[in-house]
């Protein structure tokens, strides 16, 4: 293993939702996500998505999950999507089916807005000023 990989850590969220394929389609439409990896099996798919190089994973519910997918989201999980043009991505997410929690604006040293996706997860979209 080279030194760069040994000294690099990445936190990659794994979002478990009831309908993984619907979630993948939503994130492609809302955030221009692209598939970087897919594993299909008899229980569904696990998909790694990239948004301008930032990765996260999506899967549907599984009989091996002890945790139900419905409770995540809202106030206990919030994703922050840092992007140079939050206004455009925010509106694109709304058009793809997200619900506005608060519009893009500037406050506390950030330009950002918050949406709830169709799966109950909250996304803050913006950048630090």
C-alpha atoms as a PDB file:
ATOM      1  CA  UNK A   1       0.000   0.000   0.000  1.00  0.00           C
ATOM      2  CA  UNK A   2       1.430   3.408  -0.889  1.00  0.00           C
ATOM      3  CA  UNK A   3       1.865   6.171   1.701  1.00  0.00           C
ATOM      4  CA  UNK A   4      -0.975   8.274   0.292  1.00  0.00           C
ATOM      5  CA  UNK A   5      -3.552   5.512   0.799  1.00  0.00           C
ATOM      6  CA  UNK A   6      -2.216   4.609   4.227  1.00  0.00           C
ATOM      7  CA  UNK A   7      -2.643   8.185   5.485  1.00  0.00           C
ATOM      8  CA  UNK A   8      -6.001   8.926   3.891  1.00  0.00           C
ATOM      9  CA  UNK A   9      -9.339   8.414   5.592  1.00  0.00           C
ATOM     10  CA  UNK A  10     -12.737   8.962   4.014  1.00  0.00           C
ATOM     11  CA  UNK A  11     -16.161   8.751   5.610  1.00  0.00           C
ATOM     12  CA  UNK A  12     -18.597   7.473   3.011  1.00  0.00           C
ATOM     13  CA  UNK A  13     -22.250   7.459   4.108  1.00  0.00           C
ATOM     14  CA  UNK A  14     -24.318   4.361   3.374  1.00  0.00           C
ATOM     15  CA  UNK A  15     -27.994   5.215   3.035  1.00  0.00           C
ATOM     16  CA  UNK A  16     -30.404   2.328   3.522  1.00  0.00           C
ATOM     17  CA  UNK A  17     -33.839   3.102   2.136  1.00  0.00           C
ATOM     18  CA  UNK A  18     -36.911   1.004   1.413  1.00  0.00           C
ATOM     19  CA  UNK A  19     -36.541   1.308  -2.387  1.00  0.00           C
ATOM     20  CA  UNK A  20     -32.871   1.440  -3.361  1.00  0.00           C
ATOM     21  CA  UNK A  21     -33.466   1.586  -7.118  1.00  0.00           C
ATOM     22  CA  UNK A  22     -35.879   4.493  -6.743  1.00  0.00           C
ATOM     23  CA  UNK A  23     -33.291   6.265  -4.564  1.00  0.00           C
ATOM     24  CA  UNK A  24     -30.537   5.746  -7.137  1.00  0.00           C
ATOM     25  CA  UNK A  25     -32.787   7.218  -9.847  1.00  0.00           C
ATOM     26  CA  UNK A  26     -33.673  10.186  -7.623  1.00  0.00           C
ATOM     27  CA  UNK A  27     -30.033  11.043  -6.785  1.00  0.00           C
ATOM     28  CA  UNK A  28     -29.041  10.770 -10.443  1.00  0.00           C
ATOM     29  CA  UNK A  29     -31.804  13.200 -11.366  1.00  0.00           C
ATOM     30  CA  UNK A  30     -31.497  15.536  -8.371  1.00  0.00           C
ATOM     31  CA  UNK A  31     -27.708  15.744  -7.958  1.00  0.00           C
ATOM     32  CA  UNK A  32     -26.312  14.488 -11.309  1.00  0.00           C
ATOM     33  CA  UNK A  33     -24.925  11.469  -9.454  1.00  0.00           C
ATOM     34  CA  UNK A  34     -23.163   8.770 -11.460  1.00  0.00           C
ATOM     35  CA  UNK A  35     -22.755   5.111 -10.591  1.00  0.00           C
ATOM     36  CA  UNK A  36     -19.220   4.150  -9.628  1.00  0.00           C
ATOM     37  CA  UNK A  37     -19.988   0.629  -8.402  1.00  0.00           C
ATOM     38  CA  UNK A  38     -22.935  -1.759  -8.342  1.00  0.00           C
ATOM     39  CA  UNK A  39     -23.415  -5.135  -6.715  1.00  0.00           C
ATOM     40  CA  UNK A  40     -26.669  -6.896  -7.585  1.00  0.00           C
ATOM     41  CA  UNK A  41     -27.824  -9.976  -5.702  1.00  0.00           C
ATOM     42  CA  UNK A  42     -31.076 -11.761  -4.870  1.00  0.00           C
ATOM     43  CA  UNK A  43     -31.863  -9.188  -2.134  1.00  0.00           C
ATOM     44  CA  UNK A  44     -31.381  -6.117  -4.310  1.00  0.00           C
ATOM     45  CA  UNK A  45     -28.506  -3.827  -5.134  1.00  0.00           C
ATOM     46  CA  UNK A  46     -25.759  -1.930  -3.365  1.00  0.00           C
ATOM     47  CA  UNK A  47     -24.710   1.096  -5.410  1.00  0.00           C
ATOM     48  CA  UNK A  48     -21.912   3.608  -4.911  1.00  0.00           C
ATOM     49  CA  UNK A  49     -22.823   7.002  -6.329  1.00  0.00           C
ATOM     50  CA  UNK A  50     -20.527   9.960  -6.999  1.00  0.00           C
ATOM     51  CA  UNK A  51     -21.498  13.623  -7.062  1.00  0.00           C
ATOM     52  CA  UNK A  52     -18.496  15.484  -8.513  1.00  0.00           C
ATOM     53  CA  UNK A  53     -16.202  12.877  -6.946  1.00  0.00           C
ATOM     54  CA  UNK A  54     -17.897  12.768  -3.525  1.00  0.00           C
ATOM     55  CA  UNK A  55     -19.115   9.239  -2.884  1.00  0.00           C
ATOM     56  CA  UNK A  56     -21.954   7.660  -0.950  1.00  0.00           C
ATOM     57  CA  UNK A  57     -23.652   4.274  -0.978  1.00  0.00           C
ATOM     58  CA  UNK A  58     -27.312   3.323  -1.424  1.00  0.00           C
ATOM     59  CA  UNK A  59     -29.078   0.072  -0.698  1.00  0.00           C
ATOM     60  CA  UNK A  60     -32.643  -1.070  -0.245  1.00  0.00           C
ATOM     61  CA  UNK A  61     -34.016  -2.851   2.772  1.00  0.00           C
ATOM     62  CA  UNK A  62     -32.574  -6.308   3.407  1.00  0.00           C
ATOM     63  CA  UNK A  63     -33.759  -9.305   5.385  1.00  0.00           C
ATOM     64  CA  UNK A  64     -30.324  -9.195   7.056  1.00  0.00           C
ATOM     65  CA  UNK A  65     -30.803  -5.613   8.320  1.00  0.00           C
ATOM     66  CA  UNK A  66     -31.750  -5.532  11.971  1.00  0.00           C
ATOM     67  CA  UNK A  67     -32.586  -1.841  11.663  1.00  0.00           C
ATOM     68  CA  UNK A  68     -35.638  -0.801   9.686  1.00  0.00           C
ATOM     69  CA  UNK A  69     -34.962   1.791   7.034  1.00  0.00           C
ATOM     70  CA  UNK A  70     -37.888   4.083   7.886  1.00  0.00           C
ATOM     71  CA  UNK A  71     -36.525   5.606  11.126  1.00  0.00           C
ATOM     72  CA  UNK A  72     -33.435   7.172   9.521  1.00  0.00           C
ATOM     73  CA  UNK A  73     -33.599  10.664   8.172  1.00  0.00           C
ATOM     74  CA  UNK A  74     -35.129  13.888   9.375  1.00  0.00           C
ATOM     75  CA  UNK A  75     -33.309  15.088  12.446  1.00  0.00           C
ATOM     76  CA  UNK A  76     -31.116  12.078  13.204  1.00  0.00           C
ATOM     77  CA  UNK A  77     -29.279  12.007   9.864  1.00  0.00           C
ATOM     78  CA  UNK A  78     -28.478  15.048   7.770  1.00  0.00           C
ATOM     79  CA  UNK A  79     -26.258  15.038   4.701  1.00  0.00           C
ATOM     80  CA  UNK A  80     -24.289  18.125   3.664  1.00  0.00           C
ATOM     81  CA  UNK A  81     -23.635  18.362  -0.067  1.00  0.00           C
ATOM     82  CA  UNK A  82     -20.959  20.992  -0.591  1.00  0.00           C
ATOM     83  CA  UNK A  83     -21.095  22.412  -4.089  1.00  0.00           C
ATOM     84  CA  UNK A  84     -20.007  25.610  -5.845  1.00  0.00           C
ATOM     85  CA  UNK A  85     -23.500  26.412  -7.138  1.00  0.00           C
ATOM     86  CA  UNK A  86     -26.074  25.390  -4.532  1.00  0.00           C
ATOM     87  CA  UNK A  87     -28.923  27.379  -6.098  1.00  0.00           C
ATOM     88  CA  UNK A  88     -28.932  25.288  -9.274  1.00  0.00           C
ATOM     89  CA  UNK A  89     -28.592  21.928  -7.519  1.00  0.00           C
ATOM     90  CA  UNK A  90     -31.235  22.884  -4.938  1.00  0.00           C
ATOM     91  CA  UNK A  91     -33.788  23.718  -7.650  1.00  0.00           C
ATOM     92  CA  UNK A  92     -32.871  20.566  -9.574  1.00  0.00           C
ATOM     93  CA  UNK A  93     -33.520  18.471  -6.453  1.00  0.00           C
ATOM     94  CA  UNK A  94     -36.907  20.143  -5.942  1.00  0.00           C
ATOM     95  CA  UNK A  95     -37.857  19.398  -9.557  1.00  0.00           C
ATOM     96  CA  UNK A  96     -36.768  15.769  -9.044  1.00  0.00           C
ATOM     97  CA  UNK A  97     -39.174  15.364  -6.106  1.00  0.00           C
ATOM     98  CA  UNK A  98     -37.472  16.788  -3.002  1.00  0.00           C
ATOM     99  CA  UNK A  99     -39.355  19.030  -0.567  1.00  0.00           C
ATOM    100  CA  UNK A 100     -37.936  22.383   0.518  1.00  0.00           C
ATOM    101  CA  UNK A 101     -37.196  22.675   4.245  1.00  0.00           C
ATOM    102  CA  UNK A 102     -35.637  26.127   3.886  1.00  0.00           C
ATOM    103  CA  UNK A 103     -34.489  27.990   0.751  1.00  0.00           C
ATOM    104  CA  UNK A 104     -30.897  28.728  -0.214  1.00  0.00           C
ATOM    105  CA  UNK A 105     -29.669  31.799   1.621  1.00  0.00           C
ATOM    106  CA  UNK A 106     -26.693  33.109   3.596  1.00  0.00           C
ATOM    107  CA  UNK A 107     -26.417  32.657   7.341  1.00  0.00           C
ATOM    108  CA  UNK A 108     -23.776  31.632   9.879  1.00  0.00           C
ATOM    109  CA  UNK A 109     -20.978  31.829   7.312  1.00  0.00           C
ATOM    110  CA  UNK A 110     -22.644  29.526   4.777  1.00  0.00           C
ATOM    111  CA  UNK A 111     -24.684  29.824   1.605  1.00  0.00           C
ATOM    112  CA  UNK A 112     -27.043  26.870   1.739  1.00  0.00           C
ATOM    113  CA  UNK A 113     -30.575  25.536   1.752  1.00  0.00           C
ATOM    114  CA  UNK A 114     -32.138  22.321   3.021  1.00  0.00           C
ATOM    115  CA  UNK A 115     -34.353  19.769   1.318  1.00  0.00           C
ATOM    116  CA  UNK A 116     -35.935  16.490   2.353  1.00  0.00           C
ATOM    117  CA  UNK A 117     -35.589  13.802  -0.280  1.00  0.00           C
ATOM    118  CA  UNK A 118     -38.436  11.380  -1.048  1.00  0.00           C
ATOM    119  CA  UNK A 119     -36.916   8.896   1.439  1.00  0.00           C
ATOM    120  CA  UNK A 120     -37.023  11.221   4.447  1.00  0.00           C
ATOM    121  CA  UNK A 121     -33.338  12.157   4.448  1.00  0.00           C
ATOM    122  CA  UNK A 122     -32.431  15.814   4.875  1.00  0.00           C
ATOM    123  CA  UNK A 123     -29.761  17.352   2.644  1.00  0.00           C
ATOM    124  CA  UNK A 124     -28.158  20.740   3.205  1.00  0.00           C
ATOM    125  CA  UNK A 125     -26.831  21.971  -0.133  1.00  0.00           C
ATOM    126  CA  UNK A 126     -24.319  24.800  -0.141  1.00  0.00           C
ATOM    127  CA  UNK A 127     -20.820  26.009   0.618  1.00  0.00           C
ATOM    128  CA  UNK A 128     -18.940  27.813   3.366  1.00  0.00           C
ATOM    129  CA  UNK A 129     -18.447  31.521   2.629  1.00  0.00           C
END
